[in-house]
Each structure stands twice: as C-alpha cells, then as structure tokens.
Amino acid sequence: MAQRKHFEEFYRGRTIGRLKCDVPSWKYLRILESPRVSSPGFGNDSKINVTAKRNRRSTASDLSRQLSSATARTVSRQTAYRPLGHIDLYIRRPVRCVPLTATHCHLRLNWSREHALSTPQQWSCVMFSDESRFRFQSDSRRTFIWRAPGTRYHQENTIERHRYGSAGWLVWGEIILGSITDLHVQSVTMTGRIYRDVIQEQHVGLFRGTMGVEFLFIGYNARPHRANIVDQCL
C-alpha cells in the first residue's frame, strides 16, 4: 500500500513559490536533490577576474595561489578558473607578431594620407611585395593567455617577436592591381645578392620596364631588401 508523506511548512511554501514561477516539478526536484557547488565567493570572483585581465599570462595555478594567500584557505585550480568562464575568458594561445615602433606607425599613417586620393589608374602602377616564412620546427607555444572570443588580434592578446630562430622556407610574391607574380620559394638564407638577382631582376624588373616612370614598388624594410646592391638596382 502506498504511503503518503507530507511536506513541512517550509518546503510547502517553497514548492508553491516555484509553481507560481512556472518552474517544472522535475527541475525543482533536481534542484532540491543536487548538492551545493562551492565557489570562491562573489568578492573573490571579482579578484580573480581583475587578476586575469591585468596579467593575461597567469596560469590557473597562479590564480589559485593568489586566491589562497588572500583568503587564507586552500583553493583548487578548478575553483580558481571556473569564474572566468562567466565573463567569457578562456585559455587560448596568443598571436605572435613583429613589433612595430612609433616611427613605423607614423610613417605608415603619413603614407596612407598621401595616397588617400589616388585613382585606380595610379594604383595600377603600384606593386606590393609579400613574403611568408614557414619553419620546419613548430613553436612549442606553451604560453597561454586568458582572452574573450573575438579578441584574438587585440594588442593585449599578442606577443611581439623579432625573429624565429629555426630552419624553414621563405615564400615570396608580388601583388599588383589586376595581376600577380609567380611565387618564389627560397630554401637558403635570403641575402642582398640573392634578393637582387632573383627577386628584383626576374620579377620586379619586368613590371618596371612595362610601366615606366610611374612604377612604384613597395617592399619590406628587412636587411636584405635594403642592401646597397638592391638600392642600386632599383
């Protein structure tokens, strides 16, 4: 024979309140039966969020140690980084980029202002060079940061590097309005002489002879590109 159990006055009031709020009975029972999940607390959550935003490279262990020293109690790594998900901060790899000085930015701004009103006919005489380096040995990339989705290329989420010290291939090409050059793959170290003999004479020289005095070549400021023998060739 089925037995009936009556709710206490306290739980009866909570049940009526949940029903008035249109909470399903199964969800309410799950809430009553589920244990309470411990968390660092609202004040400590704010401290973790501020620390992670100020120092993007802080690890979960660093956050755990800082919170433990501030609260005088042991805090696990999971408990330390769990609040960061509520503000859309997740562990991601930072973007590597070449550092630019204030002088570089100033020169770029001046150049863009000078050519802001250029016509398509004038742009058709401008050639841009581009090169990419592919290394045989991948970066360990063990450095992680806390960042929000959609902020991959923000300044605070990038790491500046001057060089990548390992063997690799260099792929070089040129782009001009309505045309492109063939890709050149360089397997040895790029020098000023190789850049002049292969790049300048075999690729740039053909377009320069066709377009005449209006031809404008936009190259890199890398050391082989600015060697004396390259400037004399231009």
C-alpha atoms as a PDB file:
ATOM      1  CA  MET A   1       0.000   0.000   0.000  1.00  0.00           C
ATOM      2  CA  ALA A   2       1.412   3.399  -0.978  1.00  0.00           C
ATOM      3  CA  GLN A   3       2.484   5.677   1.817  1.00  0.00           C
ATOM      4  CA  ARG A   4       1.940   9.381   1.803  1.00  0.00           C
ATOM      5  CA  LYS A   5       4.393  11.861   3.232  1.00  0.00           C
ATOM      6  CA  HIS A   6       3.536  15.447   3.946  1.00  0.00           C
ATOM      7  CA  PHE A   7       5.867  18.349   3.268  1.00  0.00           C
ATOM      8  CA  GLU A   8       6.912  20.509   6.129  1.00  0.00           C
ATOM      9  CA  GLU A   9       5.540  24.021   6.175  1.00  0.00           C
ATOM     10  CA  PHE A  10       8.849  25.446   4.921  1.00  0.00           C
ATOM     11  CA  TYR A  11       9.125  23.123   1.907  1.00  0.00           C
ATOM     12  CA  ARG A  12       5.424  23.518   1.148  1.00  0.00           C
ATOM     13  CA  GLY A  13       5.934  27.261   0.829  1.00  0.00           C
ATOM     14  CA  ARG A  14       8.965  26.806  -1.427  1.00  0.00           C
ATOM     15  CA  THR A  15       7.059  24.396  -3.661  1.00  0.00           C
ATOM     16  CA  ILE A  16       4.133  26.780  -4.047  1.00  0.00           C
ATOM     17  CA  GLY A  17       6.539  29.596  -4.869  1.00  0.00           C
ATOM     18  CA  ARG A  18       8.271  27.512  -7.536  1.00  0.00           C
ATOM     19  CA  LEU A  19       4.957  26.566  -9.104  1.00  0.00           C
ATOM     20  CA  LYS A  20       3.929  30.202  -9.247  1.00  0.00           C
ATOM     21  CA  CYS A  21       7.184  30.950 -11.080  1.00  0.00           C
ATOM     22  CA  ASP A  22       6.376  28.232 -13.658  1.00  0.00           C
ATOM     23  CA  VAL A  23       9.347  26.062 -12.685  1.00  0.00           C
ATOM     24  CA  PRO A  24       8.809  22.425 -13.807  1.00  0.00           C
ATOM     25  CA  SER A  25       8.456  19.942 -10.982  1.00  0.00           C
ATOM     26  CA  TRP A  26      11.288  17.739 -12.275  1.00  0.00           C
ATOM     27  CA  LYS A  27      13.673  20.680 -12.353  1.00  0.00           C
ATOM     28  CA  TYR A  28      12.632  21.722  -8.858  1.00  0.00           C
ATOM     29  CA  LEU A  29      13.242  18.206  -7.510  1.00  0.00           C
ATOM     30  CA  ARG A  30      16.661  18.175  -9.176  1.00  0.00           C
ATOM     31  CA  ILE A  31      17.479  21.484  -7.510  1.00  0.00           C
ATOM     32  CA  LEU A  32      16.437  20.119  -4.112  1.00  0.00           C
ATOM     33  CA  GLU A  33      18.394  16.885  -4.546  1.00  0.00           C
ATOM     34  CA  SER A  34      21.576  18.355  -6.075  1.00  0.00           C
ATOM     35  CA  PRO A  35      24.378  19.242  -3.661  1.00  0.00           C
ATOM     36  CA  ARG A  36      25.572  22.805  -3.332  1.00  0.00           C
ATOM     37  CA  VAL A  37      28.532  23.614  -5.535  1.00  0.00           C
ATOM     38  CA  SER A  38      31.229  25.503  -3.703  1.00  0.00           C
ATOM     39  CA  SER A  39      32.653  28.648  -5.252  1.00  0.00           C
ATOM     40  CA  PRO A  40      35.227  31.204  -4.142  1.00  0.00           C
ATOM     41  CA  GLY A  41      32.547  33.792  -3.419  1.00  0.00           C
ATOM     42  CA  PHE A  42      31.451  36.983  -5.167  1.00  0.00           C
ATOM     43  CA  GLY A  43      34.241  39.139  -3.776  1.00  0.00           C
ATOM     44  CA  ASN A  44      36.908  36.580  -4.616  1.00  0.00           C
ATOM     45  CA  ASP A  45      35.428  36.078  -8.090  1.00  0.00           C
ATOM     46  CA  SER A  46      35.964  39.763  -8.773  1.00  0.00           C
ATOM     47  CA  LYS A  47      39.563  39.496  -7.585  1.00  0.00           C
ATOM     48  CA  ILE A  48      40.196  36.551  -9.912  1.00  0.00           C
ATOM     49  CA  ASN A  49      38.636  38.386 -12.863  1.00  0.00           C
ATOM     50  CA  VAL A  50      40.723  41.505 -12.287  1.00  0.00           C
ATOM     51  CA  THR A  51      43.931  39.479 -11.877  1.00  0.00           C
ATOM     52  CA  ALA A  52      43.336  37.512 -15.087  1.00  0.00           C
ATOM     53  CA  LYS A  53      42.607  40.686 -17.084  1.00  0.00           C
ATOM     54  CA  ARG A  54      45.676  42.514 -15.776  1.00  0.00           C
ATOM     55  CA  ASN A  55      48.024  39.582 -16.291  1.00  0.00           C
ATOM     56  CA  ARG A  56      46.781  37.587 -19.269  1.00  0.00           C
ATOM     57  CA  ARG A  57      49.545  35.008 -18.875  1.00  0.00           C
ATOM     58  CA  SER A  58      48.551  33.996 -15.348  1.00  0.00           C
ATOM     59  CA  THR A  59      48.039  30.252 -15.111  1.00  0.00           C
ATOM     60  CA  ALA A  60      45.299  28.541 -13.139  1.00  0.00           C
ATOM     61  CA  SER A  61      47.917  27.598 -10.548  1.00  0.00           C
ATOM     62  CA  ASP A  62      48.943  31.252 -10.196  1.00  0.00           C
ATOM     63  CA  LEU A  63      45.335  32.298  -9.670  1.00  0.00           C
ATOM     64  CA  SER A  64      44.869  29.503  -7.138  1.00  0.00           C
ATOM     65  CA  ARG A  65      47.940  30.546  -5.143  1.00  0.00           C
ATOM     66  CA  GLN A  66      46.974  34.217  -5.144  1.00  0.00           C
ATOM     67  CA  LEU A  67      43.439  33.441  -4.020  1.00  0.00           C
ATOM     68  CA  SER A  68      44.682  31.055  -1.335  1.00  0.00           C
ATOM     69  CA  SER A  69      47.022  33.686   0.082  1.00  0.00           C
ATOM     70  CA  ALA A  70      44.250  36.301   0.032  1.00  0.00           C
ATOM     71  CA  THR A  71      41.594  34.114   1.697  1.00  0.00           C
ATOM     72  CA  ALA A  72      43.903  32.025   3.932  1.00  0.00           C
ATOM     73  CA  ARG A  73      42.321  28.781   2.711  1.00  0.00           C
ATOM     74  CA  THR A  74      43.130  26.187   0.099  1.00  0.00           C
ATOM     75  CA  VAL A  75      41.589  26.819  -3.327  1.00  0.00           C
ATOM     76  CA  SER A  76      41.878  24.304  -6.165  1.00  0.00           C
ATOM     77  CA  ARG A  77      42.810  25.196  -9.735  1.00  0.00           C
ATOM     78  CA  GLN A  78      39.325  24.343 -10.998  1.00  0.00           C
ATOM     79  CA  THR A  79      37.717  26.570  -8.394  1.00  0.00           C
ATOM     80  CA  ALA A  80      40.090  29.402  -9.308  1.00  0.00           C
ATOM     81  CA  TYR A  81      39.481  29.471 -13.068  1.00  0.00           C
ATOM     82  CA  ARG A  82      35.787  28.486 -13.069  1.00  0.00           C
ATOM     83  CA  PRO A  83      34.527  32.098 -12.544  1.00  0.00           C
ATOM     84  CA  LEU A  84      36.464  33.278 -15.617  1.00  0.00           C
ATOM     85  CA  GLY A  85      34.058  31.435 -17.903  1.00  0.00           C
ATOM     86  CA  HIS A  86      31.221  33.645 -16.679  1.00  0.00           C
ATOM     87  CA  ILE A  87      32.964  36.704 -18.184  1.00  0.00           C
ATOM     88  CA  ASP A  88      33.992  34.866 -21.400  1.00  0.00           C
ATOM     89  CA  LEU A  89      37.682  34.470 -20.539  1.00  0.00           C
ATOM     90  CA  TYR A  90      39.148  31.185 -21.781  1.00  0.00           C
ATOM     91  CA  ILE A  91      42.619  29.689 -22.177  1.00  0.00           C
ATOM     92  CA  ARG A  92      43.939  30.393 -25.671  1.00  0.00           C
ATOM     93  CA  ARG A  93      47.287  30.717 -27.436  1.00  0.00           C
ATOM     94  CA  PRO A  94      48.430  34.305 -28.068  1.00  0.00           C
ATOM     95  CA  VAL A  95      49.129  35.688 -31.529  1.00  0.00           C
ATOM     96  CA  ARG A  96      52.788  36.214 -32.474  1.00  0.00           C
ATOM     97  CA  CYS A  97      53.552  39.406 -34.399  1.00  0.00           C
ATOM     98  CA  VAL A  98      56.523  41.529 -35.424  1.00  0.00           C
ATOM     99  CA  PRO A  99      56.930  44.551 -33.131  1.00  0.00           C
ATOM    100  CA  LEU A 100      56.276  47.992 -34.628  1.00  0.00           C
ATOM    101  CA  THR A 101      57.758  51.160 -33.191  1.00  0.00           C
ATOM    102  CA  ALA A 102      56.083  54.554 -33.019  1.00  0.00           C
ATOM    103  CA  THR A 103      58.178  55.631 -36.009  1.00  0.00           C
ATOM    104  CA  HIS A 104      56.825  52.760 -38.106  1.00  0.00           C
ATOM    105  CA  CYS A 105      53.240  53.676 -37.253  1.00  0.00           C
ATOM    106  CA  HIS A 106      53.875  57.355 -38.003  1.00  0.00           C
ATOM    107  CA  LEU A 107      55.390  56.590 -41.408  1.00  0.00           C
ATOM    108  CA  ARG A 108      52.506  54.288 -42.291  1.00  0.00           C
ATOM    109  CA  LEU A 109      49.977  56.945 -41.360  1.00  0.00           C
ATOM    110  CA  ASN A 110      51.732  59.596 -43.453  1.00  0.00           C
ATOM    111  CA  TRP A 111      51.957  57.269 -46.453  1.00  0.00           C
ATOM    112  CA  SER A 112      48.257  56.380 -46.262  1.00  0.00           C
ATOM    113  CA  ARG A 113      47.297  60.064 -46.083  1.00  0.00           C
ATOM    114  CA  GLU A 114      49.444  60.884 -49.105  1.00  0.00           C
ATOM    115  CA  HIS A 115      47.762  58.167 -51.194  1.00  0.00           C
ATOM    116  CA  ALA A 116      44.214  58.507 -49.858  1.00  0.00           C
ATOM    117  CA  LEU A 117      43.004  60.219 -53.062  1.00  0.00           C
ATOM    118  CA  SER A 118      44.904  58.054 -55.552  1.00  0.00           C
ATOM    119  CA  THR A 119      42.933  56.909 -58.587  1.00  0.00           C
ATOM    120  CA  PRO A 120      42.638  53.279 -59.793  1.00  0.00           C
ATOM    121  CA  GLN A 121      44.943  54.189 -62.674  1.00  0.00           C
ATOM    122  CA  GLN A 122      47.625  55.304 -60.222  1.00  0.00           C
ATOM    123  CA  TRP A 123      47.171  52.201 -58.043  1.00  0.00           C
ATOM    124  CA  SER A 124      47.637  50.001 -61.114  1.00  0.00           C
ATOM    125  CA  CYS A 125      51.273  51.160 -61.206  1.00  0.00           C
ATOM    126  CA  VAL A 126      51.974  50.241 -57.560  1.00  0.00           C
ATOM    127  CA  MET A 127      53.420  46.832 -56.742  1.00  0.00           C
ATOM    128  CA  PHE A 128      53.327  45.363 -53.226  1.00  0.00           C
ATOM    129  CA  SER A 129      55.655  42.581 -52.160  1.00  0.00           C
ATOM    130  CA  ASP A 130      54.755  39.998 -49.549  1.00  0.00           C
ATOM    131  CA  GLU A 131      56.709  37.152 -48.030  1.00  0.00           C
ATOM    132  CA  SER A 132      55.921  34.443 -45.502  1.00  0.00           C
ATOM    133  CA  ARG A 133      58.282  32.205 -43.568  1.00  0.00           C
ATOM    134  CA  PHE A 134      57.437  28.600 -42.755  1.00  0.00           C
ATOM    135  CA  ARG A 135      59.570  26.822 -40.196  1.00  0.00           C
ATOM    136  CA  PHE A 136      60.363  23.125 -40.088  1.00  0.00           C
ATOM    137  CA  GLN A 137      60.209  23.029 -36.292  1.00  0.00           C
ATOM    138  CA  SER A 138      56.967  24.262 -34.794  1.00  0.00           C
ATOM    139  CA  ASP A 139      56.966  26.551 -31.811  1.00  0.00           C
ATOM    140  CA  SER A 140      56.213  24.765 -28.546  1.00  0.00           C
ATOM    141  CA  ARG A 141      53.668  27.505 -27.893  1.00  0.00           C
ATOM    142  CA  ARG A 142      53.367  26.583 -24.245  1.00  0.00           C
ATOM    143  CA  THR A 143      52.471  30.154 -23.370  1.00  0.00           C
ATOM    144  CA  PHE A 144      48.735  30.605 -22.899  1.00  0.00           C
ATOM    145  CA  ILE A 145      46.653  33.654 -22.093  1.00  0.00           C
ATOM    146  CA  TRP A 146      43.149  34.426 -20.904  1.00  0.00           C
ATOM    147  CA  ARG A 147      41.101  36.112 -23.628  1.00  0.00           C
ATOM    148  CA  ALA A 148      37.496  36.526 -24.686  1.00  0.00           C
ATOM    149  CA  PRO A 149      36.082  35.256 -28.018  1.00  0.00           C
ATOM    150  CA  GLY A 150      36.574  37.700 -30.890  1.00  0.00           C
ATOM    151  CA  THR A 151      39.600  39.424 -29.304  1.00  0.00           C
ATOM    152  CA  ARG A 152      42.331  37.284 -30.872  1.00  0.00           C
ATOM    153  CA  TYR A 153      44.166  40.177 -32.554  1.00  0.00           C
ATOM    154  CA  HIS A 154      43.768  42.760 -29.796  1.00  0.00           C
ATOM    155  CA  GLN A 155      47.028  44.286 -28.639  1.00  0.00           C
ATOM    156  CA  GLU A 156      46.825  42.849 -25.126  1.00  0.00           C
ATOM    157  CA  ASN A 157      46.473  39.341 -26.607  1.00  0.00           C
ATOM    158  CA  THR A 158      49.575  39.420 -28.823  1.00  0.00           C
ATOM    159  CA  ILE A 159      53.228  38.624 -28.181  1.00  0.00           C
ATOM    160  CA  GLU A 160      55.867  40.530 -30.155  1.00  0.00           C
ATOM    161  CA  ARG A 161      58.808  38.609 -31.546  1.00  0.00           C
ATOM    162  CA  HIS A 162      61.704  39.919 -33.630  1.00  0.00           C
ATOM    163  CA  ARG A 163      62.801  36.616 -35.141  1.00  0.00           C
ATOM    164  CA  TYR A 164      62.112  32.894 -35.241  1.00  0.00           C
ATOM    165  CA  GLY A 165      65.371  31.039 -34.808  1.00  0.00           C
ATOM    166  CA  SER A 166      64.979  27.799 -36.737  1.00  0.00           C
ATOM    167  CA  ALA A 167      65.325  26.479 -40.276  1.00  0.00           C
ATOM    168  CA  GLY A 168      62.496  26.965 -42.725  1.00  0.00           C
ATOM    169  CA  TRP A 169      61.339  28.103 -46.155  1.00  0.00           C
ATOM    170  CA  LEU A 170      60.636  31.597 -47.402  1.00  0.00           C
ATOM    171  CA  VAL A 171      57.805  32.088 -49.908  1.00  0.00           C
ATOM    172  CA  TRP A 172      57.849  35.414 -51.724  1.00  0.00           C
ATOM    173  CA  GLY A 173      55.410  37.005 -54.178  1.00  0.00           C
ATOM    174  CA  GLU A 174      54.178  40.341 -55.542  1.00  0.00           C
ATOM    175  CA  ILE A 175      50.694  41.743 -55.967  1.00  0.00           C
ATOM    176  CA  ILE A 176      49.612  44.497 -58.323  1.00  0.00           C
ATOM    177  CA  LEU A 177      46.156  45.701 -59.307  1.00  0.00           C
ATOM    178  CA  GLY A 178      44.845  43.138 -61.784  1.00  0.00           C
ATOM    179  CA  SER A 179      47.933  40.913 -61.754  1.00  0.00           C
ATOM    180  CA  ILE A 180      50.208  38.805 -59.539  1.00  0.00           C
ATOM    181  CA  THR A 181      53.650  37.281 -59.914  1.00  0.00           C
ATOM    182  CA  ASP A 182      54.685  33.670 -59.512  1.00  0.00           C
ATOM    183  CA  LEU A 183      55.589  32.519 -56.018  1.00  0.00           C
ATOM    184  CA  HIS A 184      59.291  32.185 -55.326  1.00  0.00           C
ATOM    185  CA  VAL A 185      60.383  29.606 -52.741  1.00  0.00           C
ATOM    186  CA  GLN A 186      63.705  30.306 -51.033  1.00  0.00           C
ATOM    187  CA  SER A 187      65.231  27.373 -49.128  1.00  0.00           C
ATOM    188  CA  VAL A 188      68.527  29.031 -48.150  1.00  0.00           C
ATOM    189  CA  THR A 189      69.224  32.225 -46.261  1.00  0.00           C
ATOM    190  CA  MET A 190      67.993  35.293 -48.118  1.00  0.00           C
ATOM    191  CA  THR A 191      70.868  37.684 -48.821  1.00  0.00           C
ATOM    192  CA  GLY A 192      71.016  41.006 -50.593  1.00  0.00           C
ATOM    193  CA  ARG A 193      72.660  39.448 -53.651  1.00  0.00           C
ATOM    194  CA  ILE A 194      70.030  36.685 -53.942  1.00  0.00           C
ATOM    195  CA  TYR A 195      67.264  39.221 -53.474  1.00  0.00           C
ATOM    196  CA  ARG A 196      68.687  41.388 -56.274  1.00  0.00           C
ATOM    197  CA  ASP A 197      69.454  38.582 -58.747  1.00  0.00           C
ATOM    198  CA  VAL A 198      66.279  36.528 -58.246  1.00  0.00           C
ATOM    199  CA  ILE A 199      63.581  38.872 -56.991  1.00  0.00           C
ATOM    200  CA  GLN A 200      64.456  42.266 -58.417  1.00  0.00           C
ATOM    201  CA  GLU A 201      65.776  41.279 -61.823  1.00  0.00           C
ATOM    202  CA  GLN A 202      63.449  38.339 -62.605  1.00  0.00           C
ATOM    203  CA  HIS A 203      60.188  39.708 -61.191  1.00  0.00           C
ATOM    204  CA  VAL A 204      60.251  43.416 -60.393  1.00  0.00           C
ATOM    205  CA  GLY A 205      62.286  44.353 -63.453  1.00  0.00           C
ATOM    206  CA  LEU A 206      59.660  43.036 -65.880  1.00  0.00           C
ATOM    207  CA  PHE A 207      56.856  45.192 -64.456  1.00  0.00           C
ATOM    208  CA  ARG A 208      59.089  48.222 -64.054  1.00  0.00           C
ATOM    209  CA  GLY A 209      60.084  48.140 -67.713  1.00  0.00           C
ATOM    210  CA  THR A 210      56.435  47.880 -68.800  1.00  0.00           C
ATOM    211  CA  MET A 211      55.026  50.708 -66.641  1.00  0.00           C
ATOM    212  CA  GLY A 212      57.847  53.204 -66.975  1.00  0.00           C
ATOM    213  CA  VAL A 213      58.455  56.148 -64.651  1.00  0.00           C
ATOM    214  CA  GLU A 214      55.079  55.849 -62.898  1.00  0.00           C
ATOM    215  CA  PHE A 215      56.014  52.451 -61.462  1.00  0.00           C
ATOM    216  CA  LEU A 216      56.158  52.368 -57.636  1.00  0.00           C
ATOM    217  CA  PHE A 217      57.498  49.355 -55.741  1.00  0.00           C
ATOM    218  CA  ILE A 218      56.515  48.859 -52.070  1.00  0.00           C
ATOM    219  CA  GLY A 219      58.983  46.474 -50.423  1.00  0.00           C
ATOM    220  CA  TYR A 220      59.999  45.377 -46.953  1.00  0.00           C
ATOM    221  CA  ASN A 221      62.425  47.098 -44.622  1.00  0.00           C
ATOM    222  CA  ALA A 222      64.243  43.849 -43.887  1.00  0.00           C
ATOM    223  CA  ARG A 223      68.033  43.978 -44.065  1.00  0.00           C
ATOM    224  CA  PRO A 224      68.471  42.015 -47.347  1.00  0.00           C
ATOM    225  CA  HIS A 225      65.831  44.200 -49.024  1.00  0.00           C
ATOM    226  CA  ARG A 226      67.689  47.390 -48.148  1.00  0.00           C
ATOM    227  CA  ALA A 227      71.207  46.353 -49.084  1.00  0.00           C
ATOM    228  CA  ASN A 228      73.264  48.780 -51.173  1.00  0.00           C
ATOM    229  CA  ILE A 229      73.295  46.487 -54.206  1.00  0.00           C
ATOM    230  CA  VAL A 230      69.477  46.302 -54.056  1.00  0.00           C
ATOM    231  CA  ASP A 231      69.106  50.094 -53.873  1.00  0.00           C
ATOM    232  CA  GLN A 232      71.444  50.490 -56.834  1.00  0.00           C
ATOM    233  CA  CYS A 233      69.328  48.021 -58.813  1.00  0.00           C
ATOM    234  CA  LEU A 234      66.156  49.979 -58.068  1.00  0.00           C
END
